[in-house]
C-alpha atoms as a PDB file:
ATOM      1  CA  MET A   1      -0.115  -0.025  -0.023  1.00  0.00           C
ATOM      2  CA  LYS A   2       1.449   3.444  -1.282  1.00  0.00           C
ATOM      3  CA  LEU A   3      -0.083   6.392   0.854  1.00  0.00           C
ATOM      4  CA  ALA A   4       0.507  10.140  -1.992  1.00  0.00           C
ATOM      5  CA  THR A   5      -0.558  12.914  -2.900  1.00  0.00           C
ATOM      6  CA  LEU A   6      -1.868  15.307  -6.053  1.00  0.00           C
ATOM      7  CA  CYS A   7      -1.527  18.859  -6.032  1.00  0.00           C
ATOM      8  CA  TYR A   8      -3.116  21.395  -8.273  1.00  0.00           C
ATOM      9  CA  ILE A   9      -1.982  24.896  -8.220  1.00  0.00           C
ATOM     10  CA  ARG A  10      -4.380  27.409  -9.177  1.00  0.00           C
ATOM     11  CA  ASN A  11      -3.454  30.924 -10.740  1.00  0.00           C
ATOM     12  CA  ASP A  12      -5.914  32.874 -12.748  1.00  0.00           C
ATOM     13  CA  ASN A  13      -7.654  30.249 -14.683  1.00  0.00           C
ATOM     14  CA  LYS A  14      -4.563  28.285 -15.465  1.00  0.00           C
ATOM     15  CA  ILE A  15      -3.488  24.954 -13.593  1.00  0.00           C
ATOM     16  CA  LEU A  16       0.404  24.078 -13.519  1.00  0.00           C
ATOM     17  CA  LEU A  17       1.156  21.013 -14.495  1.00  0.00           C
ATOM     18  CA  LEU A  18       3.932  18.498 -14.571  1.00  0.00           C
ATOM     19  CA  HIS A  19       4.372  16.637 -18.406  1.00  0.00           C
ATOM     20  CA  ARG A  20       6.357  13.593 -16.957  1.00  0.00           C
ATOM     21  CA  ASN A  21       8.805  13.541 -19.951  1.00  0.00           C
ATOM     22  CA  LYS A  22      12.212  13.375 -17.520  1.00  0.00           C
ATOM     23  CA  LYS A  23      12.355  10.100 -15.477  1.00  0.00           C
ATOM     24  CA  GLU A  24      13.603   6.581 -16.459  1.00  0.00           C
ATOM     25  CA  ASN A  25      11.002   3.737 -16.019  1.00  0.00           C
ATOM     26  CA  ASP A  26       7.991   6.416 -15.200  1.00  0.00           C
ATOM     27  CA  ILE A  27       5.232   5.101 -14.862  1.00  0.00           C
ATOM     28  CA  HIS A  28       3.406   8.535 -15.727  1.00  0.00           C
ATOM     29  CA  ALA A  29       5.905   8.623 -18.577  1.00  0.00           C
ATOM     30  CA  GLY A  30       4.389  11.171 -21.092  1.00  0.00           C
ATOM     31  CA  LYS A  31       1.324  11.827 -19.113  1.00  0.00           C
ATOM     32  CA  TYR A  32       0.342  15.371 -17.552  1.00  0.00           C
ATOM     33  CA  ASN A  33      -0.272  15.400 -14.211  1.00  0.00           C
ATOM     34  CA  GLY A  34      -0.592  17.412 -11.220  1.00  0.00           C
ATOM     35  CA  LEU A  35       2.706  18.012  -8.497  1.00  0.00           C
ATOM     36  CA  GLY A  36       2.739  15.239  -5.739  1.00  0.00           C
ATOM     37  CA  GLY A  37       3.887  11.937  -4.508  1.00  0.00           C
ATOM     38  CA  LYS A  38       4.687   9.509  -1.953  1.00  0.00           C
ATOM     39  CA  PHE A  39       4.748  10.006   1.838  1.00  0.00           C
ATOM     40  CA  GLU A  40       7.848   9.710   4.038  1.00  0.00           C
ATOM     41  CA  GLN A  41       7.936   8.170   7.466  1.00  0.00           C
ATOM     42  CA  GLY A  42       5.697   9.999   9.832  1.00  0.00           C
ATOM     43  CA  GLU A  43       4.190  12.971   7.020  1.00  0.00           C
ATOM     44  CA  THR A  44       0.548  14.197   7.277  1.00  0.00           C
ATOM     45  CA  PRO A  45      -0.605  14.689   4.027  1.00  0.00           C
ATOM     46  CA  GLU A  46      -0.492  18.156   4.193  1.00  0.00           C
ATOM     47  CA  ALA A  47       3.424  18.293   4.985  1.00  0.00           C
ATOM     48  CA  CYS A  48       4.117  15.613   1.983  1.00  0.00           C
ATOM     49  CA  ALA A  49       1.912  17.968  -0.450  1.00  0.00           C
ATOM     50  CA  ARG A  50       4.037  20.932   0.640  1.00  0.00           C
ATOM     51  CA  ARG A  51       7.008  19.003   0.190  1.00  0.00           C
ATOM     52  CA  GLU A  52       6.150  17.625  -2.879  1.00  0.00           C
ATOM     53  CA  ILE A  53       5.349  20.738  -4.339  1.00  0.00           C
ATOM     54  CA  PHE A  54       8.713  22.401  -3.167  1.00  0.00           C
ATOM     55  CA  GLU A  55      10.945  19.389  -4.365  1.00  0.00           C
ATOM     56  CA  GLU A  56       8.485  19.323  -7.735  1.00  0.00           C
ATOM     57  CA  SER A  57       8.650  22.748  -8.827  1.00  0.00           C
ATOM     58  CA  GLY A  58      10.798  24.961  -6.083  1.00  0.00           C
ATOM     59  CA  LEU A  59       6.912  26.582  -5.002  1.00  0.00           C
ATOM     60  CA  VAL A  60       5.820  27.442  -1.326  1.00  0.00           C
ATOM     61  CA  ALA A  61       2.128  25.947  -0.907  1.00  0.00           C
ATOM     62  CA  GLU A  62       0.132  29.275   1.257  1.00  0.00           C
ATOM     63  CA  SER A  63      -3.069  27.335   1.448  1.00  0.00           C
ATOM     64  CA  LEU A  64      -3.956  23.616   0.865  1.00  0.00           C
ATOM     65  CA  ASP A  65      -7.695  22.690   0.000  1.00  0.00           C
ATOM     66  CA  LEU A  66      -8.187  18.869   0.597  1.00  0.00           C
ATOM     67  CA  ARG A  67     -11.340  18.052  -1.959  1.00  0.00           C
ATOM     68  CA  GLY A  68     -10.756  14.691  -2.298  1.00  0.00           C
ATOM     69  CA  PHE A  69      -9.106  10.985  -1.362  1.00  0.00           C
ATOM     70  CA  ILE A  70      -8.480   8.278  -4.189  1.00  0.00           C
ATOM     71  CA  THR A  71      -7.907   4.722  -4.214  1.00  0.00           C
ATOM     72  CA  PHE A  72      -6.371   3.217  -7.042  1.00  0.00           C
ATOM     73  CA  PRO A  73      -6.119  -0.657  -6.274  1.00  0.00           C
ATOM     74  CA  LYS A  74      -3.454  -1.899  -7.652  1.00  0.00           C
ATOM     75  CA  PHE A  75      -2.315   0.542  -9.809  1.00  0.00           C
ATOM     76  CA  ALA A  76       1.407   0.250  -9.573  1.00  0.00           C
ATOM     77  CA  ARG A  77       3.586  -2.550  -9.459  1.00  0.00           C
ATOM     78  CA  GLY A  78       0.355  -4.537  -8.020  1.00  0.00           C
ATOM     79  CA  GLU A  79       0.540  -2.043  -5.318  1.00  0.00           C
ATOM     80  CA  ASP A  80      -2.693  -0.071  -3.672  1.00  0.00           C
ATOM     81  CA  TRP A  81      -2.604   3.486  -3.854  1.00  0.00           C
ATOM     82  CA  TYR A  82      -4.384   5.623  -1.475  1.00  0.00           C
ATOM     83  CA  VAL A  83      -4.205   9.306  -2.879  1.00  0.00           C
ATOM     84  CA  PHE A  84      -4.882  12.816  -1.214  1.00  0.00           C
ATOM     85  CA  ILE A  85      -5.958  15.485  -3.387  1.00  0.00           C
ATOM     86  CA  PHE A  86      -5.181  19.205  -2.990  1.00  0.00           C
ATOM     87  CA  VAL A  87      -6.135  22.190  -4.527  1.00  0.00           C
ATOM     88  CA  ILE A  88      -3.528  25.399  -3.995  1.00  0.00           C
ATOM     89  CA  ASP A  89      -4.568  28.630  -4.791  1.00  0.00           C
ATOM     90  CA  LYS A  90      -1.864  30.341  -3.096  1.00  0.00           C
ATOM     91  CA  VAL A  91       2.193  29.764  -3.655  1.00  0.00           C
ATOM     92  CA  SER A  92       5.264  32.020  -3.406  1.00  0.00           C
ATOM     93  CA  GLY A  93       8.441  31.214  -4.500  1.00  0.00           C
ATOM     94  CA  GLU A  94      10.085  30.993  -8.501  1.00  0.00           C
ATOM     95  CA  LEU A  95       9.349  27.739 -10.603  1.00  0.00           C
ATOM     96  CA  ILE A  96      12.743  25.581 -10.690  1.00  0.00           C
ATOM     97  CA  ASP A  97      13.643  23.080 -13.580  1.00  0.00           C
ATOM     98  CA  SER A  98      11.760  20.113 -12.120  1.00  0.00           C
ATOM     99  CA  PRO A  99      13.560  16.943 -12.206  1.00  0.00           C
ATOM    100  CA  GLU A 100      10.156  15.404 -12.786  1.00  0.00           C
ATOM    101  CA  GLY A 101       9.060  16.375 -15.898  1.00  0.00           C
ATOM    102  CA  THR A 102       8.674  20.421 -17.507  1.00  0.00           C
ATOM    103  CA  LEU A 103       6.417  22.166 -15.659  1.00  0.00           C
ATOM    104  CA  GLU A 104       3.662  24.220 -17.306  1.00  0.00           C
ATOM    105  CA  TRP A 105       1.025  26.396 -16.338  1.00  0.00           C
ATOM    106  CA  VAL A 106      -2.364  25.606 -18.189  1.00  0.00           C
ATOM    107  CA  GLU A 107      -5.187  27.252 -19.298  1.00  0.00           C
ATOM    108  CA  GLU A 108      -8.053  25.254 -17.905  1.00  0.00           C
ATOM    109  CA  SER A 109     -10.251  25.293 -20.924  1.00  0.00           C
ATOM    110  CA  LYS A 110      -7.329  23.153 -22.800  1.00  0.00           C
ATOM    111  CA  LEU A 111      -6.908  20.415 -20.313  1.00  0.00           C
ATOM    112  CA  GLY A 112      -9.085  18.010 -22.362  1.00  0.00           C
ATOM    113  CA  SER A 113      -6.166  18.404 -25.064  1.00  0.00           C
ATOM    114  CA  LEU A 114      -3.564  17.227 -22.960  1.00  0.00           C
ATOM    115  CA  ASN A 115      -2.287  13.511 -22.357  1.00  0.00           C
ATOM    116  CA  PHE A 116      -3.793  12.466 -18.975  1.00  0.00           C
ATOM    117  CA  TRP A 117      -4.711   9.214 -17.560  1.00  0.00           C
ATOM    118  CA  GLU A 118      -8.504   8.416 -17.840  1.00  0.00           C
ATOM    119  CA  GLY A 119      -9.508   8.702 -14.718  1.00  0.00           C
ATOM    120  CA  ASP A 120      -8.008  12.572 -14.302  1.00  0.00           C
ATOM    121  CA  ARG A 121     -10.282  13.338 -16.857  1.00  0.00           C
ATOM    122  CA  ILE A 122     -13.002  12.737 -14.647  1.00  0.00           C
ATOM    123  CA  PHE A 123     -11.850  13.910 -11.384  1.00  0.00           C
ATOM    124  CA  MET A 124     -10.464  17.104 -12.369  1.00  0.00           C
ATOM    125  CA  PRO A 125     -13.747  19.069 -13.369  1.00  0.00           C
ATOM    126  CA  TRP A 126     -14.741  17.465 -10.089  1.00  0.00           C
ATOM    127  CA  LEU A 127     -11.870  20.123  -8.065  1.00  0.00           C
ATOM    128  CA  PHE A 128     -12.357  22.721  -9.745  1.00  0.00           C
ATOM    129  CA  GLU A 129     -16.494  22.982  -9.267  1.00  0.00           C
ATOM    130  CA  GLN A 130     -15.697  22.742  -5.341  1.00  0.00           C
ATOM    131  CA  LYS A 131     -16.712  19.252  -5.179  1.00  0.00           C
ATOM    132  CA  ARG A 132     -15.376  17.267  -1.889  1.00  0.00           C
ATOM    133  CA  PHE A 133     -15.269  13.400  -3.157  1.00  0.00           C
ATOM    134  CA  SER A 134     -14.112   9.719  -2.116  1.00  0.00           C
ATOM    135  CA  ALA A 135     -13.246   7.672  -5.358  1.00  0.00           C
ATOM    136  CA  CYS A 136     -11.999   4.119  -6.798  1.00  0.00           C
ATOM    137  CA  PHE A 137     -10.142   4.386  -9.827  1.00  0.00           C
ATOM    138  CA  VAL A 138      -9.755   0.563 -11.299  1.00  0.00           C
ATOM    139  CA  TYR A 139      -7.320   0.134 -14.184  1.00  0.00           C
ATOM    140  CA  GLU A 140      -6.526  -2.895 -15.621  1.00  0.00           C
ATOM    141  CA  SER A 141      -3.145  -2.673 -17.940  1.00  0.00           C
ATOM    142  CA  GLY A 142      -3.021   1.176 -18.253  1.00  0.00           C
ATOM    143  CA  LYS A 143      -6.417   1.212 -18.754  1.00  0.00           C
ATOM    144  CA  LEU A 144      -9.473   2.437 -16.775  1.00  0.00           C
ATOM    145  CA  ALA A 145     -11.952  -0.278 -16.278  1.00  0.00           C
ATOM    146  CA  ASP A 146     -14.139   1.131 -13.911  1.00  0.00           C
ATOM    147  CA  TYR A 147     -14.478   3.710 -10.991  1.00  0.00           C
ATOM    148  CA  SER A 148     -17.168   4.997  -8.287  1.00  0.00           C
ATOM    149  CA  VAL A 149     -17.468   8.213  -6.381  1.00  0.00           C
ATOM    150  CA  HIS A 150     -19.254   9.749  -3.488  1.00  0.00           C
ATOM    151  CA  PHE A 151     -19.759  13.218  -3.412  1.00  0.00           C
ATOM    152  CA  TYR A 152     -19.961  15.249   0.133  1.00  0.00           C
ATOM    153  CA  ALA A 153     -21.809  17.929   1.046  1.00  0.00           C
END
């Protein structure tokens, strides 16, 4: 079981995304994704999100808004991933050259044209509609096989 964060930084109708095009043997190779990654020993979801945002972008998250929690059964190498999803509206600092991939500010209206995981296309609109949710996305051989979601008021 892996615990992780996935963070979407917003600024003026643009979202900071990471085009995963630098790491060898990256399960996300060629895809666009938010920032984030695996928890370190003893970290809270918020501490992990802040650390990962800083490591991958050089930015400091001034605010974190937990919008969702997603379970990905047997997602990578047969392991279940449990992912806390955050939206960040305020950051400080300067962007760095990320070791994970190319950072890009993308207009929300252009998100549909990018190479995302199939499930990301489903849950990303929920983030920007201010919905809170818990979901499960099941992938088989890299393709979305099924999903379920519960929304909270």
